[in-house]
Amino acid sequence: MAIHGREAFIANLDQTFKAVDLCVENHLFNPTLILVLSIMDAFSWIEFPNINNPKDRFEKWVDKWVLPHEHVVCNAVDLYAYRSAMLHRFGTQSRLVENKQASAISFCRGGAPFKVLEKFRSIYMEDFGEDIGIVKFESLVEAVKKGVTNFLEHADSDTDLQVQMEAYFDSEQANHFPSDQG
């Protein structure tokens, strides 16, 4: 039996966040980032389908729903550059970073104190004269989850966005099937 619309969307979103949690629990850094960056990319398209430039769309959504976060010290263009590097090169350098239009990002994870990364940023800036984004890995995951939750709550109270979401559900979620594991 096929499920459609909002129900399919929520089921797929729940499964994706379960996958994120499994990746985090199993210390799978790159797969977690690929999922989290893809979520940001998808939600930017969902909210701003009329913005044709994917970079502009991504940055607008991230600025609105993900940033600022105390342990995510970078900007939306830095995250977009990292997203491009991970999704298109399976690496950390994108053309935006190479062309000095975005800063590279350095991550810390687990119990590593954020202060260590802040010190690394200072040394990097002193040695190379360039800024570097610094992100506590788990904080980015948390910020994206919170951003998605806040977006969905906002969508429930915004009539125009509700209409847009229903159109999205009808067009993009038409042929999903329920999981046999719920």
N, C-alpha and C. Protein backbone atom coordinates (compact mmCIF):
# COMPACT_ATOMS: atom_id res chain seq x y z
N MET A 1 0.85 -1.18 0.00
CA MET A 1 0.00 0.00 0.00
C MET A 1 0.89 1.24 0.00
N ALA A 2 0.68 2.11 -0.95
CA ALA A 2 1.46 3.34 -1.04
C ALA A 2 0.94 4.37 -0.04
N ILE A 3 1.85 5.14 0.49
CA ILE A 3 1.45 6.28 1.32
C ILE A 3 1.84 7.54 0.58
N HIS A 4 1.11 8.60 0.78
CA HIS A 4 1.31 9.81 -0.02
C HIS A 4 1.44 11.03 0.87
N GLY A 5 1.86 12.11 0.23
CA GLY A 5 1.82 13.43 0.83
C GLY A 5 2.61 13.58 2.11
N ARG A 6 2.01 14.29 3.04
CA ARG A 6 2.67 14.63 4.30
C ARG A 6 3.09 13.38 5.06
N GLU A 7 2.25 12.37 5.06
CA GLU A 7 2.57 11.13 5.78
C GLU A 7 3.86 10.51 5.25
N ALA A 8 4.02 10.46 3.93
CA ALA A 8 5.24 9.91 3.34
C ALA A 8 6.44 10.79 3.67
N PHE A 9 6.23 12.10 3.58
CA PHE A 9 7.31 13.04 3.88
C PHE A 9 7.81 12.85 5.30
N ILE A 10 6.90 12.81 6.26
CA ILE A 10 7.28 12.66 7.67
C ILE A 10 7.95 11.30 7.90
N ALA A 11 7.43 10.25 7.29
CA ALA A 11 8.05 8.93 7.42
C ALA A 11 9.48 8.94 6.88
N ASN A 12 9.67 9.55 5.72
CA ASN A 12 11.02 9.63 5.13
C ASN A 12 11.95 10.49 5.98
N LEU A 13 11.43 11.59 6.48
CA LEU A 13 12.24 12.46 7.34
C LEU A 13 12.63 11.73 8.63
N ASP A 14 11.68 11.03 9.24
CA ASP A 14 11.99 10.27 10.45
C ASP A 14 13.08 9.23 10.19
N GLN A 15 12.97 8.53 9.06
CA GLN A 15 13.98 7.53 8.71
C GLN A 15 15.34 8.18 8.49
N THR A 16 15.35 9.33 7.87
CA THR A 16 16.62 10.02 7.61
C THR A 16 17.26 10.45 8.92
N PHE A 17 16.47 10.98 9.86
CA PHE A 17 17.05 11.36 11.15
C PHE A 17 17.48 10.14 11.96
N LYS A 18 16.79 9.02 11.82
CA LYS A 18 17.27 7.79 12.46
C LYS A 18 18.62 7.38 11.89
N ALA A 19 18.77 7.53 10.57
CA ALA A 19 20.06 7.22 9.94
C ALA A 19 21.15 8.16 10.45
N VAL A 20 20.83 9.44 10.60
CA VAL A 20 21.79 10.40 11.17
C VAL A 20 22.20 9.94 12.56
N ASP A 21 21.22 9.60 13.40
CA ASP A 21 21.54 9.17 14.76
C ASP A 21 22.40 7.91 14.78
N LEU A 22 22.09 6.96 13.90
CA LEU A 22 22.90 5.74 13.81
C LEU A 22 24.33 6.05 13.39
N CYS A 23 24.48 6.95 12.44
CA CYS A 23 25.82 7.35 12.00
C CYS A 23 26.59 8.02 13.13
N VAL A 24 25.93 8.91 13.86
CA VAL A 24 26.59 9.58 14.99
C VAL A 24 27.00 8.56 16.04
N GLU A 25 26.09 7.66 16.40
CA GLU A 25 26.36 6.64 17.41
C GLU A 25 27.53 5.74 17.03
N ASN A 26 27.69 5.52 15.72
CA ASN A 26 28.74 4.63 15.24
C ASN A 26 29.98 5.39 14.76
N HIS A 27 30.04 6.68 15.09
CA HIS A 27 31.20 7.52 14.77
C HIS A 27 31.50 7.54 13.28
N LEU A 28 30.45 7.58 12.48
CA LEU A 28 30.58 7.65 11.03
C LEU A 28 30.48 9.12 10.61
N PHE A 29 31.60 9.79 10.66
CA PHE A 29 31.67 11.23 10.48
C PHE A 29 31.18 11.67 9.09
N ASN A 30 31.80 11.17 8.03
CA ASN A 30 31.43 11.61 6.69
C ASN A 30 29.99 11.24 6.31
N PRO A 31 29.53 10.02 6.56
CA PRO A 31 28.14 9.73 6.23
C PRO A 31 27.15 10.62 6.99
N THR A 32 27.47 10.94 8.24
CA THR A 32 26.60 11.85 9.00
C THR A 32 26.55 13.21 8.31
N LEU A 33 27.71 13.73 7.96
CA LEU A 33 27.75 15.05 7.31
C LEU A 33 27.03 15.04 5.97
N ILE A 34 27.19 13.97 5.21
CA ILE A 34 26.49 13.89 3.92
C ILE A 34 24.98 13.95 4.13
N LEU A 35 24.48 13.22 5.11
CA LEU A 35 23.05 13.25 5.40
C LEU A 35 22.60 14.63 5.89
N VAL A 36 23.34 15.21 6.82
CA VAL A 36 22.96 16.50 7.40
C VAL A 36 23.00 17.60 6.34
N LEU A 37 24.04 17.61 5.53
CA LEU A 37 24.13 18.61 4.45
C LEU A 37 23.02 18.41 3.42
N SER A 38 22.68 17.17 3.14
CA SER A 38 21.59 16.88 2.21
C SER A 38 20.25 17.34 2.77
N ILE A 39 20.06 17.20 4.07
CA ILE A 39 18.83 17.67 4.71
C ILE A 39 18.72 19.19 4.56
N MET A 40 19.81 19.89 4.84
CA MET A 40 19.79 21.35 4.68
C MET A 40 19.49 21.72 3.23
N ASP A 41 20.10 21.03 2.31
CA ASP A 41 19.88 21.30 0.89
C ASP A 41 18.42 21.04 0.50
N ALA A 42 17.87 19.93 0.95
CA ALA A 42 16.48 19.59 0.63
C ALA A 42 15.51 20.61 1.20
N PHE A 43 15.70 20.98 2.45
CA PHE A 43 14.78 21.93 3.06
C PHE A 43 14.91 23.32 2.46
N SER A 44 16.10 23.66 1.99
CA SER A 44 16.23 24.96 1.31
C SER A 44 15.41 24.96 0.03
N TRP A 45 15.40 23.84 -0.66
CA TRP A 45 14.60 23.74 -1.88
C TRP A 45 13.11 23.73 -1.55
N ILE A 46 12.74 23.04 -0.50
CA ILE A 46 11.33 22.96 -0.11
C ILE A 46 10.78 24.35 0.22
N GLU A 47 11.55 25.13 1.00
CA GLU A 47 11.04 26.45 1.40
C GLU A 47 11.18 27.50 0.30
N PHE A 48 12.24 27.41 -0.49
CA PHE A 48 12.52 28.46 -1.47
C PHE A 48 12.63 27.91 -2.89
N PRO A 49 11.60 27.26 -3.39
CA PRO A 49 11.70 26.66 -4.73
C PRO A 49 11.84 27.68 -5.85
N ASN A 50 11.49 28.93 -5.60
CA ASN A 50 11.56 29.95 -6.63
C ASN A 50 12.93 30.62 -6.73
N ILE A 51 13.83 30.29 -5.82
CA ILE A 51 15.20 30.79 -5.91
C ILE A 51 15.97 29.79 -6.76
N ASN A 52 16.37 30.21 -7.93
CA ASN A 52 16.99 29.28 -8.89
C ASN A 52 18.43 28.92 -8.56
N ASN A 53 19.14 29.80 -7.91
CA ASN A 53 20.53 29.54 -7.59
C ASN A 53 20.60 28.68 -6.33
N PRO A 54 21.11 27.44 -6.43
CA PRO A 54 21.14 26.56 -5.25
C PRO A 54 21.96 27.11 -4.09
N LYS A 55 23.03 27.84 -4.39
CA LYS A 55 23.84 28.44 -3.33
C LYS A 55 23.04 29.49 -2.57
N ASP A 56 22.36 30.37 -3.28
CA ASP A 56 21.55 31.40 -2.64
C ASP A 56 20.43 30.79 -1.81
N ARG A 57 19.79 29.76 -2.35
CA ARG A 57 18.69 29.08 -1.67
C ARG A 57 19.20 28.43 -0.38
N PHE A 58 20.31 27.71 -0.48
CA PHE A 58 20.90 27.03 0.68
C PHE A 58 21.28 28.04 1.76
N GLU A 59 21.99 29.09 1.36
CA GLU A 59 22.42 30.10 2.32
C GLU A 59 21.24 30.75 3.02
N LYS A 60 20.19 31.05 2.28
CA LYS A 60 19.02 31.69 2.88
C LYS A 60 18.39 30.77 3.92
N TRP A 61 18.25 29.48 3.62
CA TRP A 61 17.62 28.56 4.56
C TRP A 61 18.51 28.37 5.79
N VAL A 62 19.79 28.20 5.58
CA VAL A 62 20.73 27.98 6.70
C VAL A 62 20.77 29.21 7.60
N ASP A 63 20.84 30.40 7.01
CA ASP A 63 20.84 31.62 7.82
C ASP A 63 19.56 31.74 8.65
N LYS A 64 18.45 31.34 8.07
CA LYS A 64 17.16 31.48 8.74
C LYS A 64 16.93 30.43 9.81
N TRP A 65 17.35 29.18 9.58
CA TRP A 65 16.94 28.09 10.46
C TRP A 65 18.07 27.38 11.22
N VAL A 66 19.31 27.51 10.78
CA VAL A 66 20.39 26.75 11.41
C VAL A 66 21.35 27.65 12.21
N LEU A 67 21.70 28.79 11.66
CA LEU A 67 22.65 29.68 12.31
C LEU A 67 21.92 30.79 13.04
N PRO A 68 22.45 31.40 14.04
CA PRO A 68 23.72 31.08 14.67
C PRO A 68 23.56 29.97 15.72
N HIS A 69 24.63 29.31 15.99
CA HIS A 69 24.71 28.31 17.04
C HIS A 69 26.07 28.48 17.69
N GLU A 70 26.13 28.42 19.00
CA GLU A 70 27.36 28.77 19.71
C GLU A 70 28.56 27.91 19.32
N HIS A 71 28.35 26.69 18.88
CA HIS A 71 29.46 25.82 18.50
C HIS A 71 29.51 25.57 17.00
N VAL A 72 28.90 26.46 16.24
CA VAL A 72 28.99 26.44 14.78
C VAL A 72 29.43 27.84 14.39
N VAL A 73 30.74 28.05 14.34
CA VAL A 73 31.30 29.36 14.07
C VAL A 73 31.78 29.40 12.61
N CYS A 74 30.82 29.59 11.75
CA CYS A 74 31.07 29.74 10.34
C CYS A 74 29.82 30.42 9.78
N ASN A 75 29.81 30.63 8.49
CA ASN A 75 28.61 31.23 7.93
C ASN A 75 28.01 30.30 6.89
N ALA A 76 26.89 30.70 6.34
CA ALA A 76 26.15 29.83 5.42
C ALA A 76 26.95 29.51 4.17
N VAL A 77 27.72 30.46 3.67
CA VAL A 77 28.51 30.18 2.46
C VAL A 77 29.60 29.15 2.76
N ASP A 78 30.16 29.18 3.96
CA ASP A 78 31.15 28.18 4.35
C ASP A 78 30.52 26.79 4.37
N LEU A 79 29.31 26.70 4.93
CA LEU A 79 28.61 25.41 4.95
C LEU A 79 28.23 24.97 3.53
N TYR A 80 27.85 25.90 2.69
CA TYR A 80 27.53 25.55 1.30
C TYR A 80 28.78 25.03 0.59
N ALA A 81 29.91 25.69 0.81
CA ALA A 81 31.16 25.24 0.20
C ALA A 81 31.52 23.84 0.69
N TYR A 82 31.35 23.60 1.99
CA TYR A 82 31.63 22.26 2.53
C TYR A 82 30.67 21.24 1.95
N ARG A 83 29.39 21.63 1.83
CA ARG A 83 28.38 20.76 1.23
C ARG A 83 28.79 20.39 -0.20
N SER A 84 29.23 21.37 -0.96
CA SER A 84 29.64 21.11 -2.34
C SER A 84 30.84 20.17 -2.39
N ALA A 85 31.79 20.39 -1.51
CA ALA A 85 32.98 19.53 -1.47
C ALA A 85 32.61 18.10 -1.11
N MET A 86 31.77 17.92 -0.09
CA MET A 86 31.40 16.57 0.35
C MET A 86 30.54 15.85 -0.69
N LEU A 87 29.54 16.54 -1.23
CA LEU A 87 28.59 15.87 -2.12
C LEU A 87 29.13 15.69 -3.54
N HIS A 88 30.02 16.58 -3.98
CA HIS A 88 30.48 16.52 -5.36
C HIS A 88 31.91 16.01 -5.52
N ARG A 89 32.72 16.15 -4.48
CA ARG A 89 34.12 15.72 -4.56
C ARG A 89 34.46 14.65 -3.51
N PHE A 90 33.54 14.44 -2.59
CA PHE A 90 33.78 13.53 -1.48
C PHE A 90 35.05 13.94 -0.73
N GLY A 91 35.18 15.26 -0.55
CA GLY A 91 36.34 15.82 0.11
C GLY A 91 35.95 17.06 0.88
N THR A 92 36.93 17.91 1.14
CA THR A 92 36.69 19.09 1.97
C THR A 92 36.94 20.40 1.25
N GLN A 93 37.50 20.36 0.05
CA GLN A 93 37.82 21.58 -0.68
C GLN A 93 36.86 21.76 -1.85
N SER A 94 36.23 22.90 -1.90
CA SER A 94 35.36 23.23 -3.02
C SER A 94 35.98 24.40 -3.79
N ARG A 95 35.40 24.69 -4.93
CA ARG A 95 35.89 25.85 -5.70
C ARG A 95 35.74 27.14 -4.91
N LEU A 96 34.67 27.23 -4.12
CA LEU A 96 34.47 28.45 -3.33
C LEU A 96 35.62 28.68 -2.35
N VAL A 97 36.10 27.61 -1.74
CA VAL A 97 37.24 27.73 -0.82
C VAL A 97 38.52 27.99 -1.62
N GLU A 98 38.69 27.26 -2.71
CA GLU A 98 39.89 27.46 -3.53
C GLU A 98 39.98 28.89 -4.06
N ASN A 99 38.83 29.49 -4.38
CA ASN A 99 38.79 30.85 -4.90
C ASN A 99 38.65 31.91 -3.81
N LYS A 100 38.77 31.46 -2.56
CA LYS A 100 38.71 32.35 -1.39
C LYS A 100 37.38 33.10 -1.28
N GLN A 101 36.29 32.45 -1.74
CA GLN A 101 34.95 33.01 -1.59
C GLN A 101 34.24 32.44 -0.37
N ALA A 102 34.87 31.45 0.26
CA ALA A 102 34.36 30.83 1.48
C ALA A 102 35.56 30.34 2.28
N SER A 103 35.34 30.17 3.56
CA SER A 103 36.39 29.64 4.44
C SER A 103 36.25 28.13 4.54
N ALA A 104 37.39 27.47 4.67
CA ALA A 104 37.38 26.05 4.98
C ALA A 104 36.79 25.88 6.37
N ILE A 105 36.34 24.69 6.67
CA ILE A 105 35.77 24.40 7.99
C ILE A 105 36.60 23.32 8.65
N SER A 106 36.87 23.52 9.92
CA SER A 106 37.52 22.52 10.75
C SER A 106 36.50 22.04 11.78
N PHE A 107 36.42 20.73 11.94
CA PHE A 107 35.45 20.13 12.85
C PHE A 107 36.16 19.53 14.06
N CYS A 108 35.48 19.57 15.20
CA CYS A 108 35.87 18.75 16.33
C CYS A 108 34.65 17.91 16.69
N ARG A 109 34.87 16.81 17.31
CA ARG A 109 33.75 15.94 17.65
C ARG A 109 34.00 15.24 18.97
N GLY A 110 32.93 14.63 19.45
CA GLY A 110 33.02 13.90 20.70
C GLY A 110 33.30 14.83 21.87
N GLY A 111 34.17 14.39 22.75
CA GLY A 111 34.47 15.14 23.96
C GLY A 111 35.50 16.24 23.79
N ALA A 112 35.98 16.43 22.56
CA ALA A 112 36.98 17.48 22.33
C ALA A 112 36.39 18.83 22.69
N PRO A 113 37.09 19.57 23.53
CA PRO A 113 36.58 20.89 23.92
C PRO A 113 36.58 21.86 22.74
N PHE A 114 35.53 22.64 22.64
CA PHE A 114 35.42 23.62 21.56
C PHE A 114 36.53 24.66 21.67
N LYS A 115 37.00 24.91 22.87
CA LYS A 115 38.09 25.88 23.09
C LYS A 115 39.34 25.48 22.31
N VAL A 116 39.58 24.18 22.17
CA VAL A 116 40.74 23.72 21.41
C VAL A 116 40.62 24.15 19.95
N LEU A 117 39.43 24.01 19.41
CA LEU A 117 39.20 24.40 18.03
C LEU A 117 39.30 25.92 17.86
N GLU A 118 38.82 26.66 18.84
CA GLU A 118 38.96 28.12 18.79
C GLU A 118 40.43 28.51 18.79
N LYS A 119 41.25 27.82 19.57
CA LYS A 119 42.69 28.09 19.60
C LYS A 119 43.30 27.75 18.25
N PHE A 120 42.90 26.63 17.67
CA PHE A 120 43.39 26.24 16.35
C PHE A 120 43.04 27.32 15.32
N ARG A 121 41.85 27.87 15.42
CA ARG A 121 41.41 28.93 14.50
C ARG A 121 42.32 30.14 14.63
N SER A 122 42.64 30.53 15.85
CA SER A 122 43.53 31.69 16.08
C SER A 122 44.90 31.45 15.47
N ILE A 123 45.45 30.27 15.68
CA ILE A 123 46.78 29.93 15.14
C ILE A 123 46.73 29.92 13.61
N TYR A 124 45.68 29.35 13.06
CA TYR A 124 45.52 29.28 11.60
C TYR A 124 45.47 30.69 11.01
N MET A 125 44.68 31.55 11.64
CA MET A 125 44.55 32.93 11.16
C MET A 125 45.91 33.66 11.26
N GLU A 126 46.62 33.41 12.35
CA GLU A 126 47.93 34.06 12.54
C GLU A 126 48.94 33.54 11.53
N ASP A 127 48.98 32.24 11.30
CA ASP A 127 49.98 31.64 10.41
C ASP A 127 49.67 31.86 8.93
N PHE A 128 48.39 31.81 8.56
CA PHE A 128 48.03 31.85 7.15
C PHE A 128 47.29 33.12 6.74
N GLY A 129 46.90 33.93 7.70
CA GLY A 129 46.20 35.17 7.39
C GLY A 129 44.81 34.95 6.83
N GLU A 130 44.27 33.77 7.05
CA GLU A 130 42.93 33.44 6.57
C GLU A 130 42.08 32.93 7.72
N ASP A 131 40.80 33.21 7.63
CA ASP A 131 39.87 32.69 8.63
C ASP A 131 39.53 31.25 8.28
N ILE A 132 39.09 30.53 9.26
CA ILE A 132 38.62 29.17 9.05
C ILE A 132 37.37 28.99 9.90
N GLY A 133 36.37 28.38 9.32
CA GLY A 133 35.17 28.08 10.09
C GLY A 133 35.44 26.96 11.06
N ILE A 134 34.85 27.03 12.22
CA ILE A 134 35.02 25.96 13.20
C ILE A 134 33.65 25.47 13.64
N VAL A 135 33.52 24.16 13.72
CA VAL A 135 32.22 23.57 13.99
C VAL A 135 32.40 22.36 14.90
N LYS A 136 31.64 22.35 15.96
CA LYS A 136 31.54 21.14 16.79
C LYS A 136 30.55 20.24 16.06
N PHE A 137 31.01 19.10 15.63
CA PHE A 137 30.26 18.18 14.79
C PHE A 137 28.85 17.91 15.32
N GLU A 138 28.75 17.51 16.59
CA GLU A 138 27.45 17.19 17.17
C GLU A 138 26.55 18.42 17.24
N SER A 139 27.15 19.59 17.37
CA SER A 139 26.37 20.82 17.42
C SER A 139 25.73 21.13 16.08
N LEU A 140 26.43 20.83 14.99
CA LEU A 140 25.84 21.03 13.67
C LEU A 140 24.65 20.10 13.49
N VAL A 141 24.78 18.86 13.89
CA VAL A 141 23.67 17.91 13.81
C VAL A 141 22.48 18.44 14.61
N GLU A 142 22.75 18.88 15.83
CA GLU A 142 21.71 19.42 16.71
C GLU A 142 21.06 20.66 16.08
N ALA A 143 21.87 21.55 15.53
CA ALA A 143 21.35 22.78 14.93
C ALA A 143 20.45 22.48 13.73
N VAL A 144 20.82 21.50 12.93
CA VAL A 144 20.00 21.14 11.77
C VAL A 144 18.68 20.51 12.22
N LYS A 145 18.74 19.62 13.21
CA LYS A 145 17.50 19.02 13.72
C LYS A 145 16.57 20.10 14.26
N LYS A 146 17.13 21.01 15.02
CA LYS A 146 16.33 22.11 15.58
C LYS A 146 15.78 22.99 14.47
N GLY A 147 16.60 23.26 13.45
CA GLY A 147 16.15 24.06 12.33
C GLY A 147 14.99 23.43 11.58
N VAL A 148 15.08 22.13 11.35
CA VAL A 148 13.99 21.42 10.67
C VAL A 148 12.73 21.45 11.53
N THR A 149 12.88 21.19 12.82
CA THR A 149 11.72 21.23 13.72
C THR A 149 11.08 22.61 13.73
N ASN A 150 11.89 23.64 13.84
CA ASN A 150 11.36 25.01 13.85
C ASN A 150 10.70 25.36 12.51
N PHE A 151 11.31 24.93 11.42
CA PHE A 151 10.72 25.16 10.10
C PHE A 151 9.34 24.51 10.00
N LEU A 152 9.24 23.25 10.41
CA LEU A 152 7.96 22.52 10.32
C LEU A 152 6.90 23.15 11.22
N GLU A 153 7.30 23.60 12.41
CA GLU A 153 6.35 24.29 13.29
C GLU A 153 5.88 25.60 12.65
N HIS A 154 6.81 26.31 12.05
CA HIS A 154 6.46 27.56 11.36
C HIS A 154 5.52 27.27 10.18
N ALA A 155 5.80 26.22 9.46
CA ALA A 155 4.97 25.85 8.30
C ALA A 155 3.53 25.57 8.71
N ASP A 156 3.35 25.05 9.91
CA ASP A 156 1.99 24.76 10.39
C ASP A 156 1.18 26.02 10.64
N SER A 157 1.85 27.16 10.84
CA SER A 157 1.13 28.40 11.14
C SER A 157 1.18 29.43 10.00
N ASP A 158 1.88 29.12 8.93
CA ASP A 158 2.03 30.03 7.81
C ASP A 158 1.20 29.51 6.64
N THR A 159 0.09 30.17 6.34
CA THR A 159 -0.85 29.69 5.33
C THR A 159 -0.19 29.55 3.96
N ASP A 160 0.59 30.53 3.54
CA ASP A 160 1.25 30.45 2.24
C ASP A 160 2.21 29.27 2.18
N LEU A 161 2.96 29.08 3.26
CA LEU A 161 3.90 27.96 3.30
C LEU A 161 3.17 26.63 3.35
N GLN A 162 2.02 26.59 4.01
CA GLN A 162 1.21 25.36 4.03
C GLN A 162 0.79 24.97 2.61
N VAL A 163 0.33 25.94 1.83
CA VAL A 163 -0.07 25.67 0.44
C VAL A 163 1.13 25.17 -0.36
N GLN A 164 2.25 25.83 -0.18
CA GLN A 164 3.48 25.42 -0.88
C GLN A 164 3.89 24.01 -0.48
N MET A 165 3.81 23.70 0.82
CA MET A 165 4.18 22.36 1.31
C MET A 165 3.24 21.30 0.76
N GLU A 166 1.96 21.59 0.73
CA GLU A 166 1.00 20.61 0.18
C GLU A 166 1.29 20.33 -1.29
N ALA A 167 1.64 21.36 -2.04
CA ALA A 167 2.00 21.15 -3.44
C ALA A 167 3.26 20.29 -3.53
N TYR A 168 4.20 20.55 -2.64
CA TYR A 168 5.42 19.75 -2.59
C TYR A 168 5.09 18.29 -2.25
N PHE A 169 4.27 18.09 -1.23
CA PHE A 169 3.89 16.73 -0.84
C PHE A 169 3.25 15.99 -2.01
N ASP A 170 2.37 16.67 -2.70
CA ASP A 170 1.66 16.02 -3.82
C ASP A 170 2.61 15.68 -4.96
N SER A 171 3.56 16.55 -5.24
CA SER A 171 4.43 16.31 -6.40
C SER A 171 5.63 15.43 -6.08
N GLU A 172 6.22 15.60 -4.93
CA GLU A 172 7.47 14.91 -4.62
C GLU A 172 7.31 13.63 -3.80
N GLN A 173 6.21 13.47 -3.15
CA GLN A 173 6.04 12.33 -2.26
C GLN A 173 4.96 11.38 -2.75
N ALA A 174 4.73 11.35 -4.03
CA ALA A 174 3.59 10.61 -4.58
C ALA A 174 3.75 9.10 -4.56
N ASN A 175 4.94 8.59 -4.62
CA ASN A 175 5.09 7.14 -4.80
C ASN A 175 5.98 6.48 -3.78
N HIS A 176 5.92 6.93 -2.54
CA HIS A 176 6.70 6.29 -1.50
C HIS A 176 5.88 5.18 -0.85
N PHE A 177 6.59 4.19 -0.40
CA PHE A 177 5.93 3.04 0.20
C PHE A 177 6.33 2.93 1.65
N PRO A 178 5.42 2.44 2.49
CA PRO A 178 5.73 2.35 3.91
C PRO A 178 6.82 1.32 4.18
N SER A 179 7.57 1.57 5.22
CA SER A 179 8.59 0.65 5.64
C SER A 179 7.92 -0.54 6.33
N ASP A 180 8.50 -1.73 6.16
CA ASP A 180 7.95 -2.88 6.86
C ASP A 180 8.37 -2.90 8.33
N GLN A 181 9.20 -1.94 8.71
CA GLN A 181 9.66 -1.86 10.10
C GLN A 181 9.13 -0.62 10.82
N GLY A 182 8.20 0.08 10.20
CA GLY A 182 7.58 1.24 10.84
C GLY A 182 8.44 2.33 11.02
